[in-house]
């Protein structure tokens, strides 16, 4: 039998090369395989990948932040000193402005055409309900909802939560708002609500509290004459919403985060059509309601110079929801990735607090086992059972903080415990990644919103200074992204004793 080995052919390595290595190692049987940056051979009884966010080469204590661990003598870091040959710099893919999601890239590859056809057919035959389409994390955050279930902070005093009204049954409402620009920013100008049967249940022109500076007729459909006749205030709208929408009702809309923010409303059950339908270019792009209607409903909306109709838009959201319910979960958001767990014949287990950041499409959830844990010590404890029942195990240690000596010693002991539970001929990989700072997402949102306004005809001088995206923002964003792409990999094989 060929002794298993792994040989680095090039440095730094790419995260995709590590993914390919993991896939090959989980399938390898007595042969040598040369990937773009790595060569490996032999039979690996188990493949275990530990993710340690914030473990980076630059953050390692000085006494071990070198290539050759074996030359070190720190008695408190026995595992690092004795098991790993070197720290290998690694790059996370992305572009100048964004970093590709680490965990998704590690475990997924582009989907095969035949696999996609198979999954779409399966999905069309599976019944789904509205509850299956409700927003969940990470979509609450990715779609810019300020407050949502599990957010963990109190909302401002001028916001309100929808309350349980104890209705005989759950109702479904589609909501759409139009806005005018005032001296204090965007304010509500019209609100329309329709029910699941497309009946209009509420439709009001709303008089802003501040002086209107731009009616935005092209988008809002609101004229000065219409506004002069308006008597409804935002405060009255909120009172109506409290009486109309129960906490158990479902609220439907397109990019509703902005609408509920202006309304200062928190609602736990939302179906967002820009979540359940995707842009043809995939994330982070988001399809407009206009394009979704044209593609899926064969309908033109928002045409002409008279602006949008919030009633028409709300009805379109109901129609898109009903279409999705009739066609299945994959309709309108076909997966473009397939996980490693689908491609190997052996069982795969993920040990993590949540599966959210792995971003594996629901149609592949039957290809792996998820072991939920509360902390890193429990994750290491659960590793033994996972290894006994699976060929491939991904385990995330989420509690590791900046690499202080105390943290490194604790991590070293956790790695030793994990190592001791591995059988002979196991491939053991530790990956460290940088934090993708929230400021990167904030700057990207600012960049997208700024250029969207320019495309819509707004002049740079009319855009608030705080909303512009200039050279300084671009330079800062690129620098932060470049830093976030830096990662580290460590490899070792547990040989026969």
Protein backbone atom coordinates (compact mmCIF):
# COMPACT_ATOMS: atom_id res chain seq x y z
CA UNK A 1 0.00 0.00 0.00
CA UNK A 2 1.32 3.43 -0.90
CA UNK A 3 1.84 5.57 2.17
CA UNK A 4 -0.36 8.64 1.90
CA UNK A 5 1.48 11.89 1.31
CA UNK A 6 0.86 15.46 0.26
CA UNK A 7 3.43 17.64 -1.51
CA UNK A 8 3.18 21.35 -2.14
CA UNK A 9 4.02 22.30 -5.72
CA UNK A 10 3.49 26.04 -5.49
CA UNK A 11 3.07 28.76 -2.86
CA UNK A 12 0.95 30.66 -2.03
CA UNK A 13 -1.87 28.26 -2.76
CA UNK A 14 -5.44 29.14 -3.70
CA UNK A 15 -8.47 28.17 -1.65
CA UNK A 16 -9.87 26.40 -4.73
CA UNK A 17 -6.76 24.18 -4.77
CA UNK A 18 -7.45 23.16 -1.18
CA UNK A 19 -11.04 22.35 -2.15
CA UNK A 20 -9.81 20.19 -5.04
CA UNK A 21 -7.33 18.51 -2.71
CA UNK A 22 -10.08 17.65 -0.23
CA UNK A 23 -12.26 16.24 -2.99
CA UNK A 24 -9.44 14.13 -4.44
CA UNK A 25 -8.27 12.91 -1.03
CA UNK A 26 -11.80 11.78 -0.15
CA UNK A 27 -11.94 9.79 -3.41
CA UNK A 28 -8.29 8.66 -3.69
CA UNK A 29 -7.46 4.95 -3.76
CA UNK A 30 -3.81 3.92 -4.26
CA UNK A 31 -2.86 6.46 -6.91
CA UNK A 32 -1.07 9.73 -7.33
CA UNK A 33 -2.96 12.86 -8.33
CA UNK A 34 -1.34 16.15 -9.33
CA UNK A 35 -3.52 19.20 -8.96
CA UNK A 36 -2.57 22.69 -10.07
CA UNK A 37 -0.64 23.45 -6.88
CA UNK A 38 -0.59 20.21 -4.86
CA UNK A 39 0.36 16.56 -5.35
CA UNK A 40 -1.01 13.77 -3.18
CA UNK A 41 -1.04 9.99 -3.22
CA UNK A 42 -2.12 6.93 -1.29
CA UNK A 43 -5.27 5.99 0.57
CA UNK A 44 -6.58 8.41 3.18
CA UNK A 45 -8.86 6.69 5.68
CA UNK A 46 -10.36 10.02 6.79
CA UNK A 47 -10.18 13.65 5.67
CA UNK A 48 -10.73 16.24 8.39
CA UNK A 49 -10.75 19.98 7.73
CA UNK A 50 -10.76 22.39 10.68
CA UNK A 51 -11.64 26.02 10.02
CA UNK A 52 -10.28 28.58 12.46
CA UNK A 53 -11.42 32.12 11.64
CA UNK A 54 -8.89 34.81 12.60
CA UNK A 55 -5.94 32.38 12.63
CA UNK A 56 -3.48 34.08 10.29
CA UNK A 57 0.24 33.90 9.65
CA UNK A 58 0.73 37.54 10.56
CA UNK A 59 -1.13 37.06 13.87
CA UNK A 60 0.79 34.00 15.02
CA UNK A 61 3.10 34.56 18.01
CA UNK A 62 6.62 35.46 16.88
CA UNK A 63 8.13 32.20 18.08
CA UNK A 64 6.05 30.13 15.64
CA UNK A 65 5.39 32.61 12.83
CA UNK A 66 8.06 31.03 10.65
CA UNK A 67 8.11 28.36 7.98
CA UNK A 68 9.61 25.48 9.98
CA UNK A 69 7.69 24.64 13.15
CA UNK A 70 10.06 21.82 14.04
CA UNK A 71 12.86 24.29 14.77
CA UNK A 72 10.83 25.78 17.62
CA UNK A 73 10.94 24.66 21.23
CA UNK A 74 7.87 26.26 22.81
CA UNK A 75 6.71 23.52 25.23
CA UNK A 76 3.17 24.92 25.33
CA UNK A 77 2.59 24.52 21.58
CA UNK A 78 3.37 20.84 21.22
CA UNK A 79 0.95 20.19 18.38
CA UNK A 80 2.01 23.10 16.19
CA UNK A 81 5.68 22.33 16.84
CA UNK A 82 5.45 18.61 16.29
CA UNK A 83 2.87 17.97 13.58
CA UNK A 84 3.00 20.70 10.93
CA UNK A 85 5.96 21.17 8.61
CA UNK A 86 5.16 24.72 7.59
CA UNK A 87 2.69 27.54 7.48
CA UNK A 88 1.42 27.86 3.90
CA UNK A 89 0.10 31.25 2.74
CA UNK A 90 -3.28 30.93 1.03
CA UNK A 91 -5.39 33.25 -1.12
CA UNK A 92 -9.16 33.56 -1.06
CA UNK A 93 -10.66 34.36 -4.48
CA UNK A 94 -12.69 37.44 -5.31
CA UNK A 95 -12.36 40.66 -7.29
CA UNK A 96 -11.03 44.12 -6.52
CA UNK A 97 -14.08 45.01 -4.45
CA UNK A 98 -15.32 41.74 -2.95
CA UNK A 99 -14.05 38.58 -1.28
CA UNK A 100 -15.64 35.28 -2.24
CA UNK A 101 -17.36 33.57 0.72
CA UNK A 102 -14.70 31.36 2.30
CA UNK A 103 -16.81 28.41 3.40
CA UNK A 104 -18.90 28.29 0.23
CA UNK A 105 -15.77 28.30 -1.94
CA UNK A 106 -14.15 25.57 0.15
CA UNK A 107 -16.98 23.06 -0.23
CA UNK A 108 -18.60 23.82 -3.60
CA UNK A 109 -17.81 23.64 -7.32
CA UNK A 110 -19.76 24.80 -10.41
CA UNK A 111 -22.79 22.60 -10.90
CA UNK A 112 -22.91 20.07 -13.74
CA UNK A 113 -25.67 20.64 -16.28
CA UNK A 114 -27.10 17.14 -15.80
CA UNK A 115 -27.15 17.59 -12.03
CA UNK A 116 -29.04 20.87 -12.40
CA UNK A 117 -31.67 19.25 -14.63
CA UNK A 118 -32.11 16.44 -12.12
CA UNK A 119 -32.53 18.82 -9.18
CA UNK A 120 -34.96 21.09 -11.02
CA UNK A 121 -37.13 18.09 -11.92
CA UNK A 122 -37.09 16.86 -8.31
CA UNK A 123 -37.99 20.33 -7.03
CA UNK A 124 -40.95 20.74 -9.37
CA UNK A 125 -42.50 17.60 -7.87
CA UNK A 126 -42.08 18.69 -4.25
CA UNK A 127 -44.78 20.70 -2.50
CA UNK A 128 -43.69 23.90 -0.77
CA UNK A 129 -45.52 26.38 1.45
CA UNK A 130 -45.13 30.09 2.10
CA UNK A 131 -43.25 29.27 5.30
CA UNK A 132 -40.53 27.68 3.17
CA UNK A 133 -40.00 31.02 1.44
CA UNK A 134 -39.73 33.25 4.53
CA UNK A 135 -36.53 35.25 4.90
CA UNK A 136 -33.94 33.59 7.10
CA UNK A 137 -30.36 34.46 7.93
CA UNK A 138 -28.06 35.37 6.27
CA UNK A 139 -30.62 36.98 3.92
CA UNK A 140 -31.89 39.37 6.60
CA UNK A 141 -28.43 40.91 6.78
CA UNK A 142 -27.49 40.57 3.12
CA UNK A 143 -30.67 42.37 2.06
CA UNK A 144 -30.14 45.21 4.53
CA UNK A 145 -32.99 44.64 6.98
CA UNK A 146 -32.08 46.73 10.01
CA UNK A 147 -34.09 44.76 12.57
CA UNK A 148 -35.33 41.17 12.36
CA UNK A 149 -35.99 38.11 14.54
CA UNK A 150 -32.91 37.21 16.54
CA UNK A 151 -31.21 40.54 15.84
CA UNK A 152 -30.41 40.79 19.53
CA UNK A 153 -30.91 44.53 20.06
CA UNK A 154 -33.83 46.72 21.01
CA UNK A 155 -35.32 48.76 18.19
CA UNK A 156 -35.48 52.57 18.46
CA UNK A 157 -38.44 53.99 20.34
CA UNK A 158 -40.01 55.45 17.19
CA UNK A 159 -40.14 51.98 15.55
CA UNK A 160 -42.89 49.43 16.18
CA UNK A 161 -43.26 45.64 16.13
CA UNK A 162 -46.34 44.14 14.55
CA UNK A 163 -48.36 42.44 17.29
CA UNK A 164 -50.34 39.22 17.35
CA UNK A 165 -53.97 40.10 16.54
CA UNK A 166 -55.31 36.54 17.00
CA UNK A 167 -57.02 36.37 13.63
CA UNK A 168 -58.94 33.20 12.65
CA UNK A 169 -56.27 32.43 10.02
CA UNK A 170 -52.96 33.73 8.70
CA UNK A 171 -53.30 36.35 5.99
CA UNK A 172 -50.86 37.21 3.21
CA UNK A 173 -50.38 40.84 2.24
CA UNK A 174 -48.18 42.40 -0.44
CA UNK A 175 -46.92 45.87 0.39
CA UNK A 176 -45.31 48.47 -1.84
CA UNK A 177 -44.37 52.07 -1.12
CA UNK A 178 -43.41 55.06 -3.23
CA UNK A 179 -41.25 57.89 -1.96
CA UNK A 180 -40.58 61.56 -2.55
CA UNK A 181 -37.42 63.43 -1.67
CA UNK A 182 -37.81 66.01 1.08
CA UNK A 183 -35.52 68.40 2.91
CA UNK A 184 -34.77 65.62 5.40
CA UNK A 185 -34.36 62.81 2.84
CA UNK A 186 -36.71 60.17 1.40
CA UNK A 187 -40.18 60.11 2.91
CA UNK A 188 -43.27 58.01 2.32
CA UNK A 189 -45.52 59.37 -0.44
CA UNK A 190 -47.82 56.42 -1.17
CA UNK A 191 -48.48 53.02 0.35
CA UNK A 192 -50.50 50.20 -1.23
CA UNK A 193 -51.43 46.83 0.26
CA UNK A 194 -53.13 43.95 -1.56
CA UNK A 195 -54.18 40.57 -0.27
CA UNK A 196 -53.37 37.10 -1.62
CA UNK A 197 -56.32 37.35 -4.04
CA UNK A 198 -54.98 40.65 -5.44
CA UNK A 199 -57.69 42.73 -3.77
CA UNK A 200 -56.58 46.22 -2.73
CA UNK A 201 -57.09 46.53 1.02
CA UNK A 202 -55.24 49.80 1.62
CA UNK A 203 -54.04 52.52 -0.77
CA UNK A 204 -53.18 56.03 0.40
CA UNK A 205 -51.27 59.06 -0.80
CA UNK A 206 -49.26 60.18 2.23
CA UNK A 207 -48.36 63.78 2.97
CA UNK A 208 -44.72 64.01 4.14
CA UNK A 209 -43.93 65.93 7.29
CA UNK A 210 -41.20 67.93 5.53
CA UNK A 211 -41.09 70.11 2.43
CA UNK A 212 -40.88 68.08 -0.80
CA UNK A 213 -37.85 68.93 -2.94
CA UNK A 214 -38.37 66.31 -5.66
CA UNK A 215 -41.56 64.39 -6.41
CA UNK A 216 -39.56 61.83 -8.46
CA UNK A 217 -42.52 61.49 -10.78
CA UNK A 218 -40.65 59.09 -13.05
CA UNK A 219 -40.44 56.56 -10.21
CA UNK A 220 -43.08 57.51 -7.63
CA UNK A 221 -45.95 58.39 -9.97
CA UNK A 222 -46.82 61.16 -7.50
CA UNK A 223 -47.64 64.65 -8.81
CA UNK A 224 -47.97 67.92 -6.94
CA UNK A 225 -51.70 67.92 -7.61
CA UNK A 226 -52.07 64.46 -6.05
CA UNK A 227 -50.07 65.51 -3.01
CA UNK A 228 -52.03 68.72 -2.55
CA UNK A 229 -55.15 66.58 -2.07
CA UNK A 230 -53.48 64.25 0.45
CA UNK A 231 -54.45 64.37 4.12
CA UNK A 232 -53.09 61.04 5.41
CA UNK A 233 -49.96 61.29 7.58
CA UNK A 234 -47.22 58.73 8.26
CA UNK A 235 -48.45 58.44 11.86
CA UNK A 236 -51.91 57.48 10.61
CA UNK A 237 -50.39 54.91 8.24
CA UNK A 238 -48.57 53.24 11.14
CA UNK A 239 -51.76 53.08 13.20
CA UNK A 240 -53.51 51.37 10.28
CA UNK A 241 -50.67 48.88 9.83
CA UNK A 242 -50.84 47.95 13.51
CA UNK A 243 -54.56 47.20 13.16
CA UNK A 244 -54.28 45.41 9.81
CA UNK A 245 -51.16 43.23 9.96
CA UNK A 246 -50.76 40.61 12.65
CA UNK A 247 -47.35 39.29 13.69
CA UNK A 248 -48.37 35.87 12.32
CA UNK A 249 -49.37 37.28 8.91
CA UNK A 250 -46.99 37.08 5.95
CA UNK A 251 -45.77 40.29 4.35
CA UNK A 252 -44.65 40.10 0.70
CA UNK A 253 -42.77 42.67 -1.35
CA UNK A 254 -39.73 43.45 -3.46
CA UNK A 255 -36.66 44.74 -1.59
CA UNK A 256 -38.91 45.39 1.38
CA UNK A 257 -36.00 46.39 3.63
CA UNK A 258 -36.24 49.99 2.47
CA UNK A 259 -40.03 50.12 2.79
CA UNK A 260 -40.13 48.74 6.35
CA UNK A 261 -37.23 51.02 7.35
CA UNK A 262 -39.11 54.13 6.23
CA UNK A 263 -42.26 52.80 7.90
CA UNK A 264 -40.14 52.03 11.00
CA UNK A 265 -41.79 48.64 11.24
CA UNK A 266 -40.39 45.29 12.39
CA UNK A 267 -42.20 42.19 11.11
CA UNK A 268 -41.01 38.59 11.63
CA UNK A 269 -42.55 36.89 8.57
CA UNK A 270 -41.46 38.38 5.25
CA UNK A 271 -41.21 36.94 1.74
CA UNK A 272 -38.98 39.14 -0.40
CA UNK A 273 -39.20 38.51 -4.14
CA UNK A 274 -35.60 39.61 -4.62
CA UNK A 275 -34.62 36.77 -2.27
CA UNK A 276 -36.80 33.98 -3.70
CA UNK A 277 -35.87 35.00 -7.26
CA UNK A 278 -32.31 35.69 -8.31
CA UNK A 279 -30.49 37.86 -10.83
CA UNK A 280 -29.24 36.01 -13.89
CA UNK A 281 -25.68 36.89 -12.81
CA UNK A 282 -26.27 35.41 -9.33
CA UNK A 283 -25.26 37.10 -6.09
CA UNK A 284 -24.44 39.82 -5.24
CA UNK A 285 -26.59 41.14 -8.09
CA UNK A 286 -30.31 41.54 -7.42
CA UNK A 287 -33.03 41.38 -10.04
CA UNK A 288 -35.42 44.30 -10.34
CA UNK A 289 -39.16 43.71 -10.02
CA UNK A 290 -39.52 44.94 -13.59
CA UNK A 291 -37.11 42.30 -14.93
CA UNK A 292 -38.69 39.51 -12.84
CA UNK A 293 -42.13 40.32 -14.23
CA UNK A 294 -40.84 40.33 -17.79
CA UNK A 295 -38.91 37.05 -17.36
CA UNK A 296 -41.36 35.01 -15.30
CA UNK A 297 -44.78 36.58 -15.83
CA UNK A 298 -44.38 37.81 -19.39
CA UNK A 299 -45.64 41.16 -18.15
CA UNK A 300 -44.40 44.72 -18.56
CA UNK A 301 -44.65 47.01 -15.55
CA UNK A 302 -43.19 50.40 -14.65
CA UNK A 303 -43.40 51.65 -18.24
CA UNK A 304 -43.99 55.16 -19.53
CA UNK A 305 -43.22 58.52 -17.95
CA UNK A 306 -46.02 58.55 -15.38
CA UNK A 307 -44.01 56.59 -12.84
CA UNK A 308 -44.57 53.40 -10.90
CA UNK A 309 -47.89 52.21 -9.52
CA UNK A 310 -47.51 50.78 -6.03
CA UNK A 311 -50.72 48.77 -6.52
CA UNK A 312 -49.39 47.27 -9.75
CA UNK A 313 -46.07 46.43 -8.06
CA UNK A 314 -47.77 44.83 -5.05
CA UNK A 315 -49.96 42.66 -7.30
CA UNK A 316 -46.84 41.64 -9.26
CA UNK A 317 -45.25 40.44 -6.01
CA UNK A 318 -48.32 38.32 -5.22
CA UNK A 319 -48.21 36.82 -8.72
CA UNK A 320 -44.51 36.01 -8.40
CA UNK A 321 -45.13 34.38 -5.03
CA UNK A 322 -47.97 32.24 -6.39
CA UNK A 323 -45.84 31.22 -9.37
CA UNK A 324 -43.01 30.17 -7.08
CA UNK A 325 -45.37 28.12 -4.92
CA UNK A 326 -46.66 26.29 -8.00
CA UNK A 327 -43.23 25.61 -9.58
CA UNK A 328 -41.14 24.57 -6.58
CA UNK A 329 -38.29 25.85 -4.46
CA UNK A 330 -35.69 25.96 -7.23
CA UNK A 331 -37.82 27.91 -9.67
CA UNK A 332 -36.27 31.32 -10.25
CA UNK A 333 -33.13 30.60 -8.24
CA UNK A 334 -31.40 27.64 -9.80
CA UNK A 335 -28.26 26.58 -7.94
CA UNK A 336 -24.99 27.28 -9.73
CA UNK A 337 -22.90 25.27 -7.27
CA UNK A 338 -22.83 21.67 -6.10
CA UNK A 339 -21.22 20.68 -2.78
CA UNK A 340 -18.39 18.22 -2.30
CA UNK A 341 -20.79 16.08 -0.27
CA UNK A 342 -22.77 15.41 -3.45
CA UNK A 343 -19.72 14.46 -5.49
CA UNK A 344 -18.19 11.85 -3.23
CA UNK A 345 -19.74 8.48 -2.50
CA UNK A 346 -18.68 8.59 1.14
CA UNK A 347 -20.60 10.25 3.97
CA UNK A 348 -19.81 13.90 4.82
CA UNK A 349 -20.40 15.67 8.14
CA UNK A 350 -20.32 19.37 9.04
CA UNK A 351 -19.74 20.41 12.66
CA UNK A 352 -20.73 24.03 13.18
CA UNK A 353 -23.10 26.25 15.09
CA UNK A 354 -25.08 26.80 11.89
CA UNK A 355 -24.99 25.85 8.21
CA UNK A 356 -25.80 29.39 7.04
CA UNK A 357 -22.29 30.45 6.01
CA UNK A 358 -21.66 27.23 4.04
CA UNK A 359 -24.37 28.38 1.63
CA UNK A 360 -25.28 24.91 0.38
CA UNK A 361 -28.49 24.92 -1.67
CA UNK A 362 -31.41 23.21 0.14
CA UNK A 363 -31.73 20.67 -2.69
CA UNK A 364 -28.38 19.20 -1.55
CA UNK A 365 -29.12 19.09 2.18
CA UNK A 366 -29.73 15.34 2.02
CA UNK A 367 -26.09 14.76 1.00
CA UNK A 368 -24.53 15.56 4.38
CA UNK A 369 -25.09 15.46 8.13
CA UNK A 370 -24.99 18.63 10.23
CA UNK A 371 -23.91 18.36 13.86
CA UNK A 372 -24.94 21.56 15.65
CA UNK A 373 -22.72 22.72 18.52
CA UNK A 374 -22.72 25.63 20.98
CA UNK A 375 -18.96 26.21 21.30
CA UNK A 376 -15.53 25.02 20.15
CA UNK A 377 -14.98 22.56 22.98
CA UNK A 378 -18.22 20.82 22.06
CA UNK A 379 -17.19 20.86 18.38
CA UNK A 380 -13.94 19.03 19.20
CA UNK A 381 -15.83 16.60 21.44
CA UNK A 382 -18.31 15.81 18.64
CA UNK A 383 -15.50 15.30 16.14
CA UNK A 384 -14.74 11.77 17.32
CA UNK A 385 -18.24 10.49 16.57
CA UNK A 386 -18.34 12.32 13.26
CA UNK A 387 -15.03 10.79 12.14
CA UNK A 388 -16.21 7.29 13.04
CA UNK A 389 -19.25 7.65 10.78
CA UNK A 390 -17.92 9.81 7.92
CA UNK A 391 -15.07 9.80 5.43
CA UNK A 392 -15.01 13.61 5.22
CA UNK A 393 -15.55 16.03 8.12
CA UNK A 394 -15.58 19.83 8.14
CA UNK A 395 -15.38 21.33 11.63
CA UNK A 396 -15.47 25.05 12.39
CA UNK A 397 -13.96 26.51 15.57
CA UNK A 398 -15.78 29.82 15.80
CA UNK A 399 -14.64 31.04 19.23
CA UNK A 400 -10.97 31.65 18.40
CA UNK A 401 -10.10 35.32 18.80
CA UNK A 402 -6.97 37.31 17.94
CA UNK A 403 -3.94 35.05 18.24
CA UNK A 404 -2.78 35.82 21.79
CA UNK A 405 -0.50 33.34 23.52
CA UNK A 406 -3.43 32.15 25.67
CA UNK A 407 -5.62 31.62 22.61
CA UNK A 408 -2.86 29.79 20.73
CA UNK A 409 -2.25 27.42 23.65
CA UNK A 410 -5.97 26.68 23.90
CA UNK A 411 -6.17 26.05 20.14
CA UNK A 412 -3.06 23.84 20.28
CA UNK A 413 -4.71 21.63 22.91
CA UNK A 414 -7.97 21.47 20.94
CA UNK A 415 -6.06 20.36 17.84
CA UNK A 416 -4.27 17.69 19.84
CA UNK A 417 -7.60 16.34 21.12
CA UNK A 418 -8.94 16.24 17.58
CA UNK A 419 -5.77 14.56 16.32
CA UNK A 420 -5.92 11.84 18.95
CA UNK A 421 -9.40 10.83 17.74
CA UNK A 422 -8.23 10.26 14.15
CA UNK A 423 -7.39 6.81 12.79
CA UNK A 424 -4.15 6.10 10.96
CA UNK A 425 -3.74 7.49 7.42
CA UNK A 426 -5.97 10.48 8.13
CA UNK A 427 -5.40 13.74 6.28
CA UNK A 428 -5.66 16.64 8.75
CA UNK A 429 -6.02 20.19 7.44
CA UNK A 430 -6.26 23.43 9.43
CA UNK A 431 -7.35 26.57 7.61
CA UNK A 432 -7.21 30.09 8.99
CA UNK A 433 -9.08 32.98 7.41
CA UNK A 434 -9.30 36.70 7.89
CA UNK A 435 -12.43 38.45 9.05
CA UNK A 436 -14.33 40.13 6.24
CA UNK A 437 -15.06 43.39 8.01
CA UNK A 438 -18.63 44.74 7.90
CA UNK A 439 -17.18 47.96 6.48
CA UNK A 440 -16.46 46.11 3.22
CA UNK A 441 -20.17 45.37 2.79
CA UNK A 442 -21.07 48.92 3.79
CA UNK A 443 -18.69 50.44 1.24
CA UNK A 444 -19.94 48.09 -1.47
CA UNK A 445 -23.54 49.08 -0.76
CA UNK A 446 -22.54 52.73 -0.92
CA UNK A 447 -20.71 52.11 -4.21
CA UNK A 448 -23.66 50.31 -5.80
CA UNK A 449 -26.23 52.86 -4.62
CA UNK A 450 -24.07 55.78 -5.80
CA UNK A 451 -23.58 54.44 -9.32
CA UNK A 452 -27.23 53.39 -9.52
CA UNK A 453 -28.23 57.00 -8.88
CA UNK A 454 -25.82 58.18 -11.58
CA UNK A 455 -27.29 55.68 -14.06
CA UNK A 456 -30.76 56.97 -13.24
CA UNK A 457 -29.72 60.44 -14.28
CA UNK A 458 -28.92 62.09 -10.96
CA UNK A 459 -26.02 64.54 -11.00
CA UNK A 460 -23.11 64.01 -8.67
CA UNK A 461 -23.62 67.46 -7.18
CA UNK A 462 -27.20 66.59 -6.18
CA UNK A 463 -26.14 63.46 -4.27
CA UNK A 464 -25.39 63.98 -0.59
CA UNK A 465 -21.66 64.03 0.16
CA UNK A 466 -22.11 61.16 2.63
CA UNK A 467 -23.69 59.03 -0.14
CA UNK A 468 -20.99 59.56 -2.76
CA UNK A 469 -18.31 57.00 -3.61
CA UNK A 470 -15.06 58.69 -4.54
CA UNK A 471 -11.39 57.87 -5.00
CA UNK A 472 -10.73 57.67 -1.27
CA UNK A 473 -13.56 55.18 -0.78
CA UNK A 474 -12.35 53.09 -3.71
CA UNK A 475 -8.76 53.00 -2.42
CA UNK A 476 -9.88 52.07 1.09
CA UNK A 477 -12.21 49.33 -0.15
CA UNK A 478 -9.57 47.76 -2.38
CA UNK A 479 -7.05 47.77 0.46
CA UNK A 480 -9.49 46.12 2.89
CA UNK A 481 -10.46 43.49 0.33
CA UNK A 482 -6.83 42.66 -0.42
CA UNK A 483 -6.16 42.17 3.30
CA UNK A 484 -9.30 40.02 3.70
CA UNK A 485 -8.10 37.66 0.96
CA UNK A 486 -5.09 36.59 3.03
CA UNK A 487 -5.42 33.20 4.68
CA UNK A 488 -3.27 30.31 5.88
CA UNK A 489 -3.23 26.52 5.47
CA UNK A 490 -1.54 23.76 7.46
CA UNK A 491 -1.42 20.11 6.36
CA UNK A 492 -0.35 16.91 8.05
CA UNK A 493 -1.03 13.17 7.73
CA UNK A 494 -1.41 10.80 10.68
CA UNK A 495 0.63 7.78 9.68
CA UNK A 496 0.47 4.16 10.84
CA UNK A 497 2.07 3.71 14.23
